[in-house]
Amino acid sequence: MKLINVGFGNLVSSDKLIAAVAPDSAPIKRIVQEARSNGLLIDATCGRKCKSVLITDSNHVILSAISCEAIQNRSEGSEGDKNE
């Protein structure tokens, strides 16, 4: 299991991630609102501006203050560092 730092010491399993998307579009805003109303929203921004929305295979939605590109770089970096 590989963990990705999504900011401020918060870690997410890379095996569970389906998508990392920008929070600006209306469909993504609807996904965030639905997750909030269903109790499936995890806010990992620590009060900062949301720069990416992570969607997991369990329908949880994670808000992150780290950009999608940075999360991608961290994911690729963690794959090369550990061979389990």
PDB file of N, CA and C in Angstrom:
ATOM      1  N   MET A   1       0.843  -1.181   0.000  1.00  0.00           N
ATOM      2  CA  MET A   1       0.000   0.000   0.000  1.00  0.00           C
ATOM      3  C   MET A   1       0.887   1.241   0.000  1.00  0.00           C
ATOM      4  N   LYS A   2       0.647   2.119  -0.947  1.00  0.00           N
ATOM      5  CA  LYS A   2       1.415   3.350  -1.051  1.00  0.00           C
ATOM      6  C   LYS A   2       0.544   4.523  -0.643  1.00  0.00           C
ATOM      7  N   LEU A   3       1.096   5.389   0.193  1.00  0.00           N
ATOM      8  CA  LEU A   3       0.372   6.552   0.674  1.00  0.00           C
ATOM      9  C   LEU A   3       0.896   7.807  -0.012  1.00  0.00           C
ATOM     10  N   ILE A   4      -0.018   8.696  -0.360  1.00  0.00           N
ATOM     11  CA  ILE A   4       0.326   9.964  -1.002  1.00  0.00           C
ATOM     12  C   ILE A   4      -0.003  11.083  -0.029  1.00  0.00           C
ATOM     13  N   ASN A   5       0.943  11.984   0.177  1.00  0.00           N
ATOM     14  CA  ASN A   5       0.721  13.150   1.017  1.00  0.00           C
ATOM     15  C   ASN A   5      -0.146  14.140   0.244  1.00  0.00           C
ATOM     16  N   VAL A   6      -1.334  14.443   0.771  1.00  0.00           N
ATOM     17  CA  VAL A   6      -2.229  15.397   0.111  1.00  0.00           C
ATOM     18  C   VAL A   6      -2.221  16.743   0.828  1.00  0.00           C
ATOM     19  N   GLY A   7      -1.217  16.965   1.646  1.00  0.00           N
ATOM     20  CA  GLY A   7      -1.032  18.248   2.299  1.00  0.00           C
ATOM     21  C   GLY A   7      -1.273  18.206   3.787  1.00  0.00           C
ATOM     22  N   PHE A   8      -0.456  18.953   4.532  1.00  0.00           N
ATOM     23  CA  PHE A   8      -0.592  19.139   5.970  1.00  0.00           C
ATOM     24  C   PHE A   8      -0.575  17.830   6.744  1.00  0.00           C
ATOM     25  N   GLY A   9       0.233  16.887   6.284  1.00  0.00           N
ATOM     26  CA  GLY A   9       0.385  15.620   6.980  1.00  0.00           C
ATOM     27  C   GLY A   9      -0.737  14.622   6.741  1.00  0.00           C
ATOM     28  N   ASN A  10      -1.627  14.924   5.827  1.00  0.00           N
ATOM     29  CA  ASN A  10      -2.726  14.016   5.500  1.00  0.00           C
ATOM     30  C   ASN A  10      -2.293  13.073   4.385  1.00  0.00           C
ATOM     31  N   LEU A  11      -2.573  11.793   4.547  1.00  0.00           N
ATOM     32  CA  LEU A  11      -2.149  10.773   3.598  1.00  0.00           C
ATOM     33  C   LEU A  11      -3.356  10.018   3.049  1.00  0.00           C
ATOM     34  N   VAL A  12      -3.281   9.652   1.768  1.00  0.00           N
ATOM     35  CA  VAL A  12      -4.338   8.887   1.110  1.00  0.00           C
ATOM     36  C   VAL A  12      -3.688   7.712   0.403  1.00  0.00           C
ATOM     37  N   SER A  13      -4.338   6.568   0.442  1.00  0.00           N
ATOM     38  CA  SER A  13      -3.836   5.386  -0.238  1.00  0.00           C
ATOM     39  C   SER A  13      -3.962   5.569  -1.747  1.00  0.00           C
ATOM     40  N   SER A  14      -2.859   5.387  -2.464  1.00  0.00           N
ATOM     41  CA  SER A  14      -2.882   5.560  -3.920  1.00  0.00           C
ATOM     42  C   SER A  14      -3.705   4.461  -4.595  1.00  0.00           C
ATOM     43  N   ASP A  15      -3.859   3.321  -3.931  1.00  0.00           N
ATOM     44  CA  ASP A  15      -4.657   2.228  -4.483  1.00  0.00           C
ATOM     45  C   ASP A  15      -6.146   2.570  -4.530  1.00  0.00           C
ATOM     46  N   LYS A  16      -6.590   3.467  -3.675  1.00  0.00           N
ATOM     47  CA  LYS A  16      -8.006   3.799  -3.570  1.00  0.00           C
ATOM     48  C   LYS A  16      -8.412   4.988  -4.444  1.00  0.00           C
ATOM     49  N   LEU A  17      -7.456   5.756  -4.947  1.00  0.00           N
ATOM     50  CA  LEU A  17      -7.780   6.953  -5.729  1.00  0.00           C
ATOM     51  C   LEU A  17      -8.248   6.588  -7.129  1.00  0.00           C
ATOM     52  N   ILE A  18      -9.321   7.236  -7.563  1.00  0.00           N
ATOM     53  CA  ILE A  18      -9.817   7.087  -8.920  1.00  0.00           C
ATOM     54  C   ILE A  18      -9.436   8.307  -9.741  1.00  0.00           C
ATOM     55  N   ALA A  19      -9.597   9.518  -9.153  1.00  0.00           N
ATOM     56  CA  ALA A  19      -9.348  10.737  -9.919  1.00  0.00           C
ATOM     57  C   ALA A  19      -8.917  11.864  -8.995  1.00  0.00           C
ATOM     58  N   ALA A  20      -8.129  12.774  -9.571  1.00  0.00           N
ATOM     59  CA  ALA A  20      -7.779  14.041  -8.930  1.00  0.00           C
ATOM     60  C   ALA A  20      -8.159  15.129  -9.924  1.00  0.00           C
ATOM     61  N   VAL A  21      -9.130  15.957  -9.562  1.00  0.00           N
ATOM     62  CA  VAL A  21      -9.678  16.931 -10.493  1.00  0.00           C
ATOM     63  C   VAL A  21      -9.690  18.323  -9.872  1.00  0.00           C
ATOM     64  N   ALA A  22      -9.732  19.339 -10.729  1.00  0.00           N
ATOM     65  CA  ALA A  22      -9.823  20.725 -10.280  1.00  0.00           C
ATOM     66  C   ALA A  22     -11.235  20.990  -9.758  1.00  0.00           C
ATOM     67  N   PRO A  23     -11.369  21.815  -8.733  1.00  0.00           N
ATOM     68  CA  PRO A  23     -12.679  22.025  -8.102  1.00  0.00           C
ATOM     69  C   PRO A  23     -13.542  23.103  -8.755  1.00  0.00           C
ATOM     70  N   ASP A  24     -13.154  23.616  -9.910  1.00  0.00           N
ATOM     71  CA  ASP A  24     -13.796  24.801 -10.467  1.00  0.00           C
ATOM     72  C   ASP A  24     -15.091  24.542 -11.224  1.00  0.00           C
ATOM     73  N   SER A  25     -15.259  23.378 -11.812  1.00  0.00           N
ATOM     74  CA  SER A  25     -16.415  23.156 -12.681  1.00  0.00           C
ATOM     75  C   SER A  25     -17.681  22.850 -11.873  1.00  0.00           C
ATOM     76  N   ALA A  26     -18.809  23.128 -12.481  1.00  0.00           N
ATOM     77  CA  ALA A  26     -20.099  22.896 -11.827  1.00  0.00           C
ATOM     78  C   ALA A  26     -20.338  21.419 -11.491  1.00  0.00           C
ATOM     79  N   PRO A  27     -20.003  20.466 -12.384  1.00  0.00           N
ATOM     80  CA  PRO A  27     -20.218  19.061 -12.014  1.00  0.00           C
ATOM     81  C   PRO A  27     -19.414  18.624 -10.786  1.00  0.00           C
ATOM     82  N   ILE A  28     -18.196  19.117 -10.663  1.00  0.00           N
ATOM     83  CA  ILE A  28     -17.370  18.765  -9.498  1.00  0.00           C
ATOM     84  C   ILE A  28     -17.946  19.401  -8.241  1.00  0.00           C
ATOM     85  N   LYS A  29     -18.442  20.625  -8.352  1.00  0.00           N
ATOM     86  CA  LYS A  29     -19.077  21.269  -7.205  1.00  0.00           C
ATOM     87  C   LYS A  29     -20.301  20.485  -6.748  1.00  0.00           C
ATOM     88  N   ARG A  30     -21.045  19.924  -7.697  1.00  0.00           N
ATOM     89  CA  ARG A  30     -22.207  19.092  -7.346  1.00  0.00           C
ATOM     90  C   ARG A  30     -21.762  17.808  -6.645  1.00  0.00           C
ATOM     91  N   ILE A  31     -20.672  17.206  -7.131  1.00  0.00           N
ATOM     92  CA  ILE A  31     -20.143  15.992  -6.494  1.00  0.00           C
ATOM     93  C   ILE A  31     -19.742  16.286  -5.052  1.00  0.00           C
ATOM     94  N   VAL A  32     -19.107  17.427  -4.829  1.00  0.00           N
ATOM     95  CA  VAL A  32     -18.685  17.814  -3.480  1.00  0.00           C
ATOM     96  C   VAL A  32     -19.910  18.024  -2.592  1.00  0.00           C
ATOM     97  N   GLN A  33     -20.939  18.704  -3.095  1.00  0.00           N
ATOM     98  CA  GLN A  33     -22.147  18.949  -2.308  1.00  0.00           C
ATOM     99  C   GLN A  33     -22.858  17.640  -1.963  1.00  0.00           C
ATOM    100  N   GLU A  34     -22.943  16.719  -2.925  1.00  0.00           N
ATOM    101  CA  GLU A  34     -23.579  15.425  -2.667  1.00  0.00           C
ATOM    102  C   GLU A  34     -22.802  14.635  -1.618  1.00  0.00           C
ATOM    103  N   ALA A  35     -21.480  14.660  -1.716  1.00  0.00           N
ATOM    104  CA  ALA A  35     -20.655  13.952  -0.734  1.00  0.00           C
ATOM    105  C   ALA A  35     -20.836  14.564   0.654  1.00  0.00           C
ATOM    106  N   ARG A  36     -20.929  15.882   0.717  1.00  0.00           N
ATOM    107  CA  ARG A  36     -21.128  16.559   2.006  1.00  0.00           C
ATOM    108  C   ARG A  36     -22.470  16.147   2.614  1.00  0.00           C
ATOM    109  N   SER A  37     -23.517  16.120   1.818  1.00  0.00           N
ATOM    110  CA  SER A  37     -24.836  15.776   2.347  1.00  0.00           C
ATOM    111  C   SER A  37     -24.931  14.296   2.723  1.00  0.00           C
ATOM    112  N   ASN A  38     -24.136  13.434   2.081  1.00  0.00           N
ATOM    113  CA  ASN A  38     -24.143  12.002   2.393  1.00  0.00           C
ATOM    114  C   ASN A  38     -23.120  11.605   3.444  1.00  0.00           C
ATOM    115  N   GLY A  39     -22.356  12.563   3.953  1.00  0.00           N
ATOM    116  CA  GLY A  39     -21.355  12.263   4.976  1.00  0.00           C
ATOM    117  C   GLY A  39     -20.116  11.586   4.428  1.00  0.00           C
ATOM    118  N   LEU A  40     -19.833  11.774   3.133  1.00  0.00           N
ATOM    119  CA  LEU A  40     -18.677  11.141   2.504  1.00  0.00           C
ATOM    120  C   LEU A  40     -17.584  12.133   2.133  1.00  0.00           C
ATOM    121  N   LEU A  41     -17.674  13.359   2.644  1.00  0.00           N
ATOM    122  CA  LEU A  41     -16.689  14.391   2.319  1.00  0.00           C
ATOM    123  C   LEU A  41     -15.617  14.438   3.403  1.00  0.00           C
ATOM    124  N   ILE A  42     -14.355  14.458   2.966  1.00  0.00           N
ATOM    125  CA  ILE A  42     -13.219  14.608   3.871  1.00  0.00           C
ATOM    126  C   ILE A  42     -12.498  15.890   3.476  1.00  0.00           C
ATOM    127  N   ASP A  43     -12.465  16.850   4.390  1.00  0.00           N
ATOM    128  CA  ASP A  43     -11.833  18.136   4.113  1.00  0.00           C
ATOM    129  C   ASP A  43     -10.415  18.118   4.682  1.00  0.00           C
ATOM    130  N   ALA A  44      -9.422  18.011   3.785  1.00  0.00           N
ATOM    131  CA  ALA A  44      -8.016  17.959   4.203  1.00  0.00           C
ATOM    132  C   ALA A  44      -7.306  19.262   3.850  1.00  0.00           C
ATOM    133  N   THR A  45      -8.057  20.365   3.736  1.00  0.00           N
ATOM    134  CA  THR A  45      -7.453  21.643   3.347  1.00  0.00           C
ATOM    135  C   THR A  45      -6.904  22.425   4.527  1.00  0.00           C
ATOM    136  N   CYS A  46      -7.308  22.088   5.731  1.00  0.00           N
ATOM    137  CA  CYS A  46      -6.891  22.814   6.941  1.00  0.00           C
ATOM    138  C   CYS A  46      -7.205  24.309   6.829  1.00  0.00           C
ATOM    139  N   GLY A  47      -8.360  24.622   6.266  1.00  0.00           N
ATOM    140  CA  GLY A  47      -8.799  26.012   6.166  1.00  0.00           C
ATOM    141  C   GLY A  47      -8.257  26.770   4.975  1.00  0.00           C
ATOM    142  N   ARG A  48      -7.435  26.140   4.156  1.00  0.00           N
ATOM    143  CA  ARG A  48      -6.880  26.807   2.974  1.00  0.00           C
ATOM    144  C   ARG A  48      -7.844  26.668   1.796  1.00  0.00           C
ATOM    145  N   LYS A  49      -7.515  27.329   0.689  1.00  0.00           N
ATOM    146  CA  LYS A  49      -8.329  27.224  -0.519  1.00  0.00           C
ATOM    147  C   LYS A  49      -8.178  25.831  -1.124  1.00  0.00           C
ATOM    148  N   CYS A  50      -9.281  25.262  -1.557  1.00  0.00           N
ATOM    149  CA  CYS A  50      -9.267  23.938  -2.189  1.00  0.00           C
ATOM    150  C   CYS A  50      -8.711  24.060  -3.606  1.00  0.00           C
ATOM    151  N   LYS A  51      -7.662  23.291  -3.896  1.00  0.00           N
ATOM    152  CA  LYS A  51      -7.058  23.312  -5.231  1.00  0.00           C
ATOM    153  C   LYS A  51      -7.272  22.014  -5.991  1.00  0.00           C
ATOM    154  N   SER A  52      -7.679  20.946  -5.296  1.00  0.00           N
ATOM    155  CA  SER A  52      -7.977  19.700  -5.989  1.00  0.00           C
ATOM    156  C   SER A  52      -9.002  18.899  -5.199  1.00  0.00           C
ATOM    157  N   VAL A  53      -9.755  18.105  -5.946  1.00  0.00           N
ATOM    158  CA  VAL A  53     -10.752  17.218  -5.364  1.00  0.00           C
ATOM    159  C   VAL A  53     -10.352  15.796  -5.739  1.00  0.00           C
ATOM    160  N   LEU A  54     -10.198  14.944  -4.731  1.00  0.00           N
ATOM    161  CA  LEU A  54      -9.805  13.557  -4.950  1.00  0.00           C
ATOM    162  C   LEU A  54     -11.027  12.666  -4.758  1.00  0.00           C
ATOM    163  N   ILE A  55     -11.247  11.776  -5.705  1.00  0.00           N
ATOM    164  CA  ILE A  55     -12.381  10.871  -5.651  1.00  0.00           C
ATOM    165  C   ILE A  55     -11.847   9.458  -5.477  1.00  0.00           C
ATOM    166  N   THR A  56     -12.416   8.734  -4.509  1.00  0.00           N
ATOM    167  CA  THR A  56     -11.943   7.393  -4.203  1.00  0.00           C
ATOM    168  C   THR A  56     -12.922   6.335  -4.705  1.00  0.00           C
ATOM    169  N   ASP A  57     -12.479   5.089  -4.678  1.00  0.00           N
ATOM    170  CA  ASP A  57     -13.324   3.986  -5.138  1.00  0.00           C
ATOM    171  C   ASP A  57     -14.473   3.691  -4.181  1.00  0.00           C
ATOM    172  N   SER A  58     -14.438   4.223  -2.973  1.00  0.00           N
ATOM    173  CA  SER A  58     -15.514   4.028  -1.997  1.00  0.00           C
ATOM    174  C   SER A  58     -16.493   5.202  -1.989  1.00  0.00           C
ATOM    175  N   ASN A  59     -16.425   6.049  -3.020  1.00  0.00           N
ATOM    176  CA  ASN A  59     -17.273   7.238  -3.180  1.00  0.00           C
ATOM    177  C   ASN A  59     -16.983   8.341  -2.173  1.00  0.00           C
ATOM    178  N   HIS A  60     -15.888   8.244  -1.439  1.00  0.00           N
ATOM    179  CA  HIS A  60     -15.472   9.354  -0.592  1.00  0.00           C
ATOM    180  C   HIS A  60     -14.862  10.434  -1.474  1.00  0.00           C
ATOM    181  N   VAL A  61     -15.053  11.678  -1.081  1.00  0.00           N
ATOM    182  CA  VAL A  61     -14.511  12.821  -1.800  1.00  0.00           C
ATOM    183  C   VAL A  61     -13.608  13.565  -0.831  1.00  0.00           C
ATOM    184  N   ILE A  62     -12.364  13.804  -1.242  1.00  0.00           N
ATOM    185  CA  ILE A  62     -11.368  14.439  -0.386  1.00  0.00           C
ATOM    186  C   ILE A  62     -10.986  15.781  -0.996  1.00  0.00           C
ATOM    187  N   LEU A  63     -11.071  16.841  -0.195  1.00  0.00           N
ATOM    188  CA  LEU A  63     -10.648  18.163  -0.631  1.00  0.00           C
ATOM    189  C   LEU A  63      -9.210  18.379  -0.198  1.00  0.00           C
ATOM    190  N   SER A  64      -8.386  18.889  -1.103  1.00  0.00           N
ATOM    191  CA  SER A  64      -6.973  19.110  -0.803  1.00  0.00           C
ATOM    192  C   SER A  64      -6.555  20.508  -1.215  1.00  0.00           C
ATOM    193  N   ALA A  65      -5.634  21.085  -0.454  1.00  0.00           N
ATOM    194  CA  ALA A  65      -5.091  22.401  -0.772  1.00  0.00           C
ATOM    195  C   ALA A  65      -3.875  22.297  -1.682  1.00  0.00           C
ATOM    196  N   ILE A  66      -3.559  21.089  -2.130  1.00  0.00           N
ATOM    197  CA  ILE A  66      -2.435  20.833  -3.025  1.00  0.00           C
ATOM    198  C   ILE A  66      -2.988  20.654  -4.439  1.00  0.00           C
ATOM    199  N   SER A  67      -2.284  21.179  -5.433  1.00  0.00           N
ATOM    200  CA  SER A  67      -2.759  21.093  -6.816  1.00  0.00           C
ATOM    201  C   SER A  67      -2.722  19.654  -7.335  1.00  0.00           C
ATOM    202  N   CYS A  68      -3.495  19.405  -8.380  1.00  0.00           N
ATOM    203  CA  CYS A  68      -3.539  18.071  -9.003  1.00  0.00           C
ATOM    204  C   CYS A  68      -2.154  17.664  -9.507  1.00  0.00           C
ATOM    205  N   GLU A  69      -1.426  18.617 -10.072  1.00  0.00           N
ATOM    206  CA  GLU A  69      -0.087  18.324 -10.599  1.00  0.00           C
ATOM    207  C   GLU A  69       0.865  17.903  -9.489  1.00  0.00           C
ATOM    208  N   ALA A  70       0.777  18.583  -8.350  1.00  0.00           N
ATOM    209  CA  ALA A  70       1.641  18.233  -7.223  1.00  0.00           C
ATOM    210  C   ALA A  70       1.304  16.843  -6.687  1.00  0.00           C
ATOM    211  N   ILE A  71       0.023  16.519  -6.651  1.00  0.00           N
ATOM    212  CA  ILE A  71      -0.387  15.192  -6.196  1.00  0.00           C
ATOM    213  C   ILE A  71       0.103  14.131  -7.173  1.00  0.00           C
ATOM    214  N   GLN A  72       0.020  14.425  -8.466  1.00  0.00           N
ATOM    215  CA  GLN A  72       0.531  13.491  -9.471  1.00  0.00           C
ATOM    216  C   GLN A  72       2.026  13.272  -9.281  1.00  0.00           C
ATOM    217  N   ASN A  73       2.778  14.350  -9.084  1.00  0.00           N
ATOM    218  CA  ASN A  73       4.224  14.234  -8.886  1.00  0.00           C
ATOM    219  C   ASN A  73       4.542  13.426  -7.637  1.00  0.00           C
ATOM    220  N   ARG A  74       3.795  13.646  -6.567  1.00  0.00           N
ATOM    221  CA  ARG A  74       4.022  12.893  -5.332  1.00  0.00           C
ATOM    222  C   ARG A  74       3.687  11.415  -5.533  1.00  0.00           C
ATOM    223  N   SER A  75       2.655  11.152  -6.307  1.00  0.00           N
ATOM    224  CA  SER A  75       2.272   9.764  -6.579  1.00  0.00           C
ATOM    225  C   SER A  75       3.350   9.055  -7.391  1.00  0.00           C
ATOM    226  N   GLU A  76       3.847   9.715  -8.419  1.00  0.00           N
ATOM    227  CA  GLU A  76       4.893   9.113  -9.246  1.00  0.00           C
ATOM    228  C   GLU A  76       6.191   8.951  -8.464  1.00  0.00           C
ATOM    229  N   GLY A  77       6.478   9.897  -7.586  1.00  0.00           N
ATOM    230  CA  GLY A  77       7.685   9.814  -6.781  1.00  0.00           C
ATOM    231  C   GLY A  77       7.632   8.672  -5.793  1.00  0.00           C
ATOM    232  N   SER A  78       6.447   8.431  -5.212  1.00  0.00           N
ATOM    233  CA  SER A  78       6.339   7.356  -4.223  1.00  0.00           C
ATOM    234  C   SER A  78       6.411   5.985  -4.880  1.00  0.00           C
ATOM    235  N   GLU A  79       5.994   5.889  -6.154  1.00  0.00           N
ATOM    236  CA  GLU A  79       6.067   4.598  -6.837  1.00  0.00           C
ATOM    237  C   GLU A  79       7.496   4.186  -7.098  1.00  0.00           C
ATOM    238  N   GLY A  80       8.363   5.138  -7.396  1.00  0.00           N
ATOM    239  CA  GLY A  80       9.748   4.806  -7.687  1.00  0.00           C
ATOM    240  C   GLY A  80      10.588   4.596  -6.456  1.00  0.00           C
ATOM    241  N   ASP A  81      10.152   5.146  -5.305  1.00  0.00           N
ATOM    242  CA  ASP A  81      10.960   5.067  -4.102  1.00  0.00           C
ATOM    243  C   ASP A  81      10.881   3.721  -3.391  1.00  0.00           C
ATOM    244  N   LYS A  82       9.691   3.110  -3.408  1.00  0.00           N
ATOM    245  CA  LYS A  82       9.496   1.888  -2.615  1.00  0.00           C
ATOM    246  C   LYS A  82       9.104   0.745  -3.531  1.00  0.00           C
ATOM    247  N   ASN A  83       9.830  -0.328  -3.424  1.00  0.00           N
ATOM    248  CA  ASN A  83       9.483  -1.536  -4.168  1.00  0.00           C
ATOM    249  C   ASN A  83       9.124  -2.613  -3.154  1.00  0.00           C
ATOM    250  N   GLU A  84       7.826  -2.874  -2.989  1.00  0.00           N
ATOM    251  CA  GLU A  84       7.380  -3.859  -1.992  1.00  0.00           C
ATOM    252  C   GLU A  84       6.968  -5.134  -2.662  1.00  0.00           C
TER     253      GLU A  84
END
